[in-house]
Amino acid sequence: MKEVQKSTVQQSVAYTQAVVSLERKKAKAARCMFE
């Protein structure tokens, strides 16, 4: 059970990091367009 939980946590962490980096890219693109 612990092994399964570990992989699930790692997946959610990786997913969160991907979402954050995507949001940062969007913010950068939006800033470039507004300037």
Protein backbone atom coordinates (compact mmCIF):
# COMPACT_ATOMS: atom_id res chain seq x y z
CA MET A 1 0.00 0.00 0.00
CA LYS A 2 2.78 2.43 0.89
CA GLU A 3 4.45 1.90 -2.49
CA VAL A 4 1.21 2.75 -4.28
CA GLN A 5 0.74 5.87 -2.17
CA LYS A 6 4.32 6.97 -2.90
CA SER A 7 3.88 6.74 -6.67
CA THR A 8 0.54 8.56 -6.45
CA VAL A 9 2.15 11.39 -4.48
CA GLN A 10 5.03 11.60 -6.96
CA GLN A 11 2.55 11.75 -9.85
CA SER A 12 0.51 14.51 -8.22
CA VAL A 13 3.69 16.48 -7.47
CA ALA A 14 4.87 16.15 -11.07
CA TYR A 15 1.40 17.15 -12.30
CA THR A 16 1.36 20.21 -10.02
CA GLN A 17 4.81 21.26 -11.25
CA ALA A 18 3.70 20.89 -14.87
CA VAL A 19 0.61 23.03 -14.24
CA VAL A 20 2.68 25.69 -12.47
CA SER A 21 5.21 25.87 -15.31
CA LEU A 22 2.35 26.10 -17.83
CA GLU A 23 0.76 28.97 -15.88
CA ARG A 24 4.14 30.75 -15.77
CA LYS A 25 4.51 30.41 -19.55
CA LYS A 26 0.98 31.79 -20.03
CA ALA A 27 1.75 34.73 -17.73
CA LYS A 28 4.97 35.49 -19.64
CA ALA A 29 3.15 35.34 -22.98
CA ALA A 30 0.37 37.60 -21.67
CA ARG A 31 2.93 40.11 -20.39
CA CYS A 32 4.71 40.17 -23.75
CA MET A 33 1.41 40.83 -25.53
CA PHE A 34 0.37 43.66 -23.20
CA GLU A 35 3.70 45.49 -23.47
